[in-house]
N, C-alpha and C. Protein backbone atom coordinates (compact mmCIF):
# COMPACT_ATOMS: atom_id res chain seq x y z
N MET A 1 0.04 12.74 -5.72
CA MET A 1 0.65 13.29 -4.52
C MET A 1 1.77 12.37 -4.08
N MET A 2 2.97 12.87 -4.03
CA MET A 2 4.10 12.10 -3.53
C MET A 2 4.49 12.68 -2.18
N SER A 3 4.64 11.80 -1.22
CA SER A 3 4.93 12.25 0.14
C SER A 3 6.06 11.42 0.71
N ASN A 4 7.05 12.08 1.30
CA ASN A 4 8.18 11.36 1.87
C ASN A 4 8.20 11.38 3.39
N SER A 5 7.57 12.35 4.01
CA SER A 5 7.59 12.48 5.45
C SER A 5 6.76 11.36 6.09
N HIS A 6 7.29 10.77 7.14
CA HIS A 6 6.59 9.69 7.84
C HIS A 6 5.24 10.17 8.34
N ASN A 7 5.18 11.35 8.93
CA ASN A 7 3.91 11.87 9.45
C ASN A 7 2.90 12.14 8.33
N GLU A 8 3.39 12.65 7.19
CA GLU A 8 2.49 12.86 6.05
C GLU A 8 1.95 11.53 5.54
N ARG A 9 2.79 10.51 5.50
CA ARG A 9 2.35 9.19 5.06
C ARG A 9 1.27 8.65 6.01
N LEU A 10 1.50 8.82 7.31
CA LEU A 10 0.52 8.35 8.29
C LEU A 10 -0.82 9.05 8.11
N GLU A 11 -0.79 10.34 7.81
CA GLU A 11 -2.03 11.09 7.57
C GLU A 11 -2.77 10.55 6.35
N VAL A 12 -2.03 10.23 5.30
CA VAL A 12 -2.64 9.66 4.10
C VAL A 12 -3.26 8.31 4.43
N PHE A 13 -2.53 7.46 5.14
CA PHE A 13 -3.06 6.14 5.50
C PHE A 13 -4.34 6.28 6.33
N LYS A 14 -4.33 7.19 7.29
CA LYS A 14 -5.50 7.38 8.14
C LYS A 14 -6.71 7.85 7.33
N ALA A 15 -6.48 8.79 6.42
CA ALA A 15 -7.57 9.29 5.58
C ALA A 15 -8.16 8.18 4.72
N ILE A 16 -7.29 7.34 4.16
CA ILE A 16 -7.76 6.22 3.33
C ILE A 16 -8.54 5.24 4.18
N LEU A 17 -8.01 4.87 5.34
CA LEU A 17 -8.68 3.90 6.21
C LEU A 17 -10.02 4.43 6.71
N ASP A 18 -10.09 5.74 6.98
CA ASP A 18 -11.36 6.34 7.42
C ASP A 18 -12.40 6.31 6.30
N LYS A 19 -11.95 6.47 5.06
CA LYS A 19 -12.87 6.55 3.92
C LYS A 19 -13.29 5.17 3.41
N VAL A 20 -12.39 4.21 3.44
CA VAL A 20 -12.65 2.88 2.87
C VAL A 20 -12.61 1.86 4.00
N ASN A 21 -13.78 1.59 4.58
CA ASN A 21 -13.88 0.67 5.71
C ASN A 21 -14.14 -0.73 5.21
N GLY A 22 -13.89 -1.68 6.09
CA GLY A 22 -14.21 -3.06 5.81
C GLY A 22 -12.97 -3.93 5.80
N ILE A 23 -13.22 -5.24 5.94
CA ILE A 23 -12.08 -6.16 5.99
C ILE A 23 -12.08 -7.15 4.84
N ASN A 24 -13.06 -7.05 3.94
CA ASN A 24 -13.06 -8.00 2.82
C ASN A 24 -11.97 -7.64 1.82
N ALA A 25 -11.69 -8.58 0.92
CA ALA A 25 -10.61 -8.39 -0.04
C ALA A 25 -10.80 -7.14 -0.89
N LYS A 26 -12.04 -6.87 -1.28
CA LYS A 26 -12.31 -5.71 -2.13
C LYS A 26 -11.92 -4.40 -1.45
N THR A 27 -12.30 -4.23 -0.19
CA THR A 27 -11.97 -2.97 0.50
C THR A 27 -10.48 -2.89 0.82
N GLN A 28 -9.86 -4.01 1.14
CA GLN A 28 -8.41 -4.01 1.37
C GLN A 28 -7.68 -3.62 0.09
N ARG A 29 -8.12 -4.19 -1.03
CA ARG A 29 -7.50 -3.89 -2.33
C ARG A 29 -7.68 -2.41 -2.67
N GLU A 30 -8.86 -1.86 -2.38
CA GLU A 30 -9.11 -0.44 -2.66
C GLU A 30 -8.19 0.45 -1.83
N ARG A 31 -7.98 0.10 -0.58
CA ARG A 31 -7.07 0.90 0.27
C ARG A 31 -5.65 0.86 -0.28
N LEU A 32 -5.19 -0.32 -0.68
CA LEU A 32 -3.84 -0.42 -1.24
C LEU A 32 -3.74 0.39 -2.53
N LYS A 33 -4.75 0.29 -3.38
CA LYS A 33 -4.76 1.04 -4.63
C LYS A 33 -4.67 2.54 -4.37
N GLN A 34 -5.50 3.04 -3.47
CA GLN A 34 -5.49 4.48 -3.18
C GLN A 34 -4.15 4.92 -2.61
N ALA A 35 -3.57 4.12 -1.73
CA ALA A 35 -2.27 4.47 -1.14
C ALA A 35 -1.18 4.49 -2.21
N LEU A 36 -1.18 3.51 -3.09
CA LEU A 36 -0.17 3.48 -4.15
C LEU A 36 -0.31 4.70 -5.07
N ILE A 37 -1.54 5.03 -5.43
CA ILE A 37 -1.76 6.18 -6.31
C ILE A 37 -1.34 7.47 -5.63
N ARG A 38 -1.66 7.62 -4.35
CA ARG A 38 -1.36 8.88 -3.65
C ARG A 38 0.11 9.00 -3.24
N LEU A 39 0.74 7.87 -2.88
CA LEU A 39 2.09 7.92 -2.33
C LEU A 39 3.18 7.39 -3.27
N GLY A 40 2.79 6.57 -4.24
CA GLY A 40 3.78 6.03 -5.17
C GLY A 40 4.38 4.71 -4.73
N ASN A 41 4.40 4.47 -3.43
CA ASN A 41 4.91 3.19 -2.91
C ASN A 41 4.32 2.95 -1.52
N VAL A 42 4.22 1.67 -1.17
CA VAL A 42 3.72 1.27 0.14
C VAL A 42 4.46 0.01 0.54
N THR A 43 5.01 -0.01 1.75
CA THR A 43 5.65 -1.24 2.22
C THR A 43 4.58 -2.19 2.77
N THR A 44 4.91 -3.46 2.79
CA THR A 44 3.98 -4.43 3.36
C THR A 44 3.77 -4.14 4.84
N PHE A 45 4.77 -3.65 5.50
CA PHE A 45 4.67 -3.26 6.91
C PHE A 45 3.61 -2.16 7.08
N GLU A 46 3.70 -1.12 6.24
CA GLU A 46 2.73 -0.02 6.29
C GLU A 46 1.32 -0.53 5.97
N ALA A 47 1.21 -1.37 4.96
CA ALA A 47 -0.10 -1.88 4.56
C ALA A 47 -0.76 -2.65 5.69
N MET A 48 0.02 -3.47 6.39
CA MET A 48 -0.55 -4.25 7.49
C MET A 48 -0.87 -3.35 8.68
N ARG A 49 0.07 -2.51 9.05
CA ARG A 49 -0.09 -1.69 10.25
C ARG A 49 -1.09 -0.56 10.10
N PHE A 50 -1.06 0.13 8.97
CA PHE A 50 -1.81 1.37 8.85
C PHE A 50 -3.00 1.32 7.90
N LEU A 51 -3.07 0.27 7.07
CA LEU A 51 -4.19 0.14 6.13
C LEU A 51 -5.05 -1.09 6.42
N ASP A 52 -4.70 -1.84 7.45
CA ASP A 52 -5.49 -3.01 7.87
C ASP A 52 -5.64 -4.02 6.73
N ILE A 53 -4.52 -4.28 6.06
CA ILE A 53 -4.49 -5.27 4.97
C ILE A 53 -3.78 -6.50 5.50
N TYR A 54 -4.51 -7.62 5.54
CA TYR A 54 -4.00 -8.83 6.19
C TYR A 54 -2.95 -9.56 5.38
N TYR A 55 -3.18 -9.76 4.11
CA TYR A 55 -2.21 -10.50 3.29
C TYR A 55 -1.91 -9.69 2.04
N CYS A 56 -0.88 -8.90 2.12
CA CYS A 56 -0.54 -7.93 1.08
C CYS A 56 -0.26 -8.56 -0.29
N PRO A 57 0.46 -9.70 -0.36
CA PRO A 57 0.74 -10.26 -1.69
C PRO A 57 -0.52 -10.55 -2.52
N SER A 58 -1.58 -11.01 -1.88
CA SER A 58 -2.82 -11.27 -2.62
C SER A 58 -3.44 -9.99 -3.15
N ARG A 59 -3.46 -8.94 -2.33
CA ARG A 59 -4.04 -7.67 -2.77
C ARG A 59 -3.20 -7.09 -3.91
N LYS A 60 -1.89 -7.21 -3.83
CA LYS A 60 -1.01 -6.73 -4.91
C LYS A 60 -1.30 -7.49 -6.19
N GLN A 61 -1.40 -8.80 -6.11
CA GLN A 61 -1.66 -9.62 -7.28
C GLN A 61 -3.00 -9.26 -7.93
N GLU A 62 -4.00 -9.01 -7.11
CA GLU A 62 -5.30 -8.62 -7.64
C GLU A 62 -5.22 -7.29 -8.40
N LEU A 63 -4.43 -6.35 -7.87
CA LEU A 63 -4.25 -5.08 -8.57
C LEU A 63 -3.51 -5.28 -9.89
N ILE A 64 -2.52 -6.15 -9.89
CA ILE A 64 -1.80 -6.46 -11.13
C ILE A 64 -2.77 -7.04 -12.15
N GLU A 65 -3.67 -7.91 -11.70
CA GLU A 65 -4.67 -8.50 -12.60
C GLU A 65 -5.63 -7.44 -13.14
N GLU A 66 -5.80 -6.33 -12.42
CA GLU A 66 -6.62 -5.21 -12.89
C GLU A 66 -5.84 -4.31 -13.85
N GLY A 67 -4.56 -4.58 -14.05
CA GLY A 67 -3.77 -3.80 -14.99
C GLY A 67 -2.75 -2.86 -14.39
N PHE A 68 -2.64 -2.82 -13.07
CA PHE A 68 -1.64 -1.98 -12.43
C PHE A 68 -0.26 -2.60 -12.63
N ASP A 69 0.73 -1.76 -12.83
CA ASP A 69 2.12 -2.21 -12.92
C ASP A 69 2.78 -1.89 -11.58
N ILE A 70 3.02 -2.94 -10.80
CA ILE A 70 3.55 -2.77 -9.44
C ILE A 70 4.82 -3.61 -9.31
N ALA A 71 5.91 -2.93 -8.97
CA ALA A 71 7.19 -3.62 -8.77
C ALA A 71 7.39 -3.90 -7.28
N LEU A 72 8.13 -4.95 -7.00
CA LEU A 72 8.49 -5.30 -5.63
C LEU A 72 9.97 -5.02 -5.42
N THR A 73 10.27 -4.21 -4.42
CA THR A 73 11.64 -4.01 -3.97
C THR A 73 11.68 -4.40 -2.50
N TRP A 74 12.84 -4.39 -1.92
CA TRP A 74 12.97 -4.78 -0.51
C TRP A 74 13.56 -3.64 0.30
N GLN A 75 13.07 -3.50 1.53
CA GLN A 75 13.58 -2.50 2.46
C GLN A 75 13.79 -3.16 3.82
N HIS A 76 14.66 -2.55 4.60
CA HIS A 76 14.83 -2.96 5.99
C HIS A 76 14.19 -1.90 6.86
N VAL A 77 13.25 -2.32 7.70
CA VAL A 77 12.45 -1.41 8.51
C VAL A 77 12.66 -1.74 9.98
N GLU A 78 12.87 -0.71 10.78
CA GLU A 78 13.00 -0.90 12.22
C GLU A 78 11.63 -0.74 12.87
N THR A 79 11.24 -1.73 13.67
CA THR A 79 9.96 -1.67 14.36
C THR A 79 10.12 -0.93 15.69
N GLU A 80 9.01 -0.75 16.37
CA GLU A 80 9.02 -0.04 17.65
C GLU A 80 9.93 -0.71 18.68
N SER A 81 10.11 -2.02 18.57
CA SER A 81 10.96 -2.74 19.52
C SER A 81 12.44 -2.63 19.18
N GLY A 82 12.74 -1.98 18.07
CA GLY A 82 14.14 -1.82 17.66
C GLY A 82 14.65 -2.94 16.77
N GLU A 83 13.79 -3.90 16.46
CA GLU A 83 14.18 -5.01 15.58
C GLU A 83 14.12 -4.56 14.12
N ILE A 84 15.03 -5.08 13.33
CA ILE A 84 15.06 -4.78 11.90
C ILE A 84 14.42 -5.94 11.14
N HIS A 85 13.47 -5.60 10.27
CA HIS A 85 12.78 -6.60 9.45
C HIS A 85 12.95 -6.27 7.97
N ARG A 86 13.12 -7.29 7.16
CA ARG A 86 13.15 -7.12 5.71
C ARG A 86 11.70 -7.21 5.24
N VAL A 87 11.23 -6.13 4.59
CA VAL A 87 9.83 -6.08 4.16
C VAL A 87 9.75 -5.72 2.68
N GLY A 88 8.68 -6.17 2.06
CA GLY A 88 8.45 -5.81 0.68
C GLY A 88 8.02 -4.36 0.56
N ASN A 89 8.39 -3.75 -0.54
CA ASN A 89 8.00 -2.38 -0.85
C ASN A 89 7.38 -2.40 -2.24
N TYR A 90 6.08 -2.12 -2.31
CA TYR A 90 5.37 -2.10 -3.59
C TYR A 90 5.48 -0.71 -4.19
N VAL A 91 6.00 -0.66 -5.40
CA VAL A 91 6.21 0.61 -6.09
C VAL A 91 5.31 0.65 -7.33
N LEU A 92 4.47 1.67 -7.39
CA LEU A 92 3.57 1.82 -8.53
C LEU A 92 4.36 2.34 -9.73
N LYS A 93 4.39 1.52 -10.78
CA LYS A 93 5.12 1.89 -12.00
C LYS A 93 4.19 2.41 -13.09
N GLY A 94 2.92 1.97 -13.03
CA GLY A 94 1.98 2.43 -14.04
C GLY A 94 0.55 2.04 -13.71
N LEU A 95 -0.38 2.84 -14.25
CA LEU A 95 -1.81 2.60 -14.05
C LEU A 95 -2.36 1.74 -15.17
N PRO A 96 -3.51 1.14 -14.95
CA PRO A 96 -4.12 0.33 -16.01
C PRO A 96 -4.38 1.16 -17.26
N VAL A 97 -4.25 0.51 -18.42
CA VAL A 97 -4.59 1.17 -19.68
C VAL A 97 -6.08 1.51 -19.63
N GLY A 98 -6.41 2.73 -19.95
CA GLY A 98 -7.82 3.15 -19.91
C GLY A 98 -8.20 3.80 -18.59
N GLY A 99 -7.28 3.87 -17.64
CA GLY A 99 -7.55 4.55 -16.39
C GLY A 99 -7.92 3.64 -15.24
N VAL A 100 -8.12 4.26 -14.09
CA VAL A 100 -8.42 3.55 -12.85
C VAL A 100 -9.92 3.47 -12.69
N LYS A 101 -10.40 2.30 -12.28
CA LYS A 101 -11.85 2.12 -12.02
C LYS A 101 -12.21 2.65 -10.66
């Protein structure tokens, strides 16, 4: 499922967060994995704000170690206060050989 609308993305994030609870690394990694598979990309801003992932680079690295091919690009995102921030954008390039666990 590829989704470009902000509201559609928020719905996907909410559904994932509702389904995969917890704050440990495993559950945070699972939320990031599901979001990448469903949306194709997730910014670090979205991961922190909407998926309750505290340190995105570690979760990304863990997924790479599981065989996911994830590229990092950069985006400029405007926050609610009107400030512009440069944030990482994780783009799913490929799934692990043999499928997703």
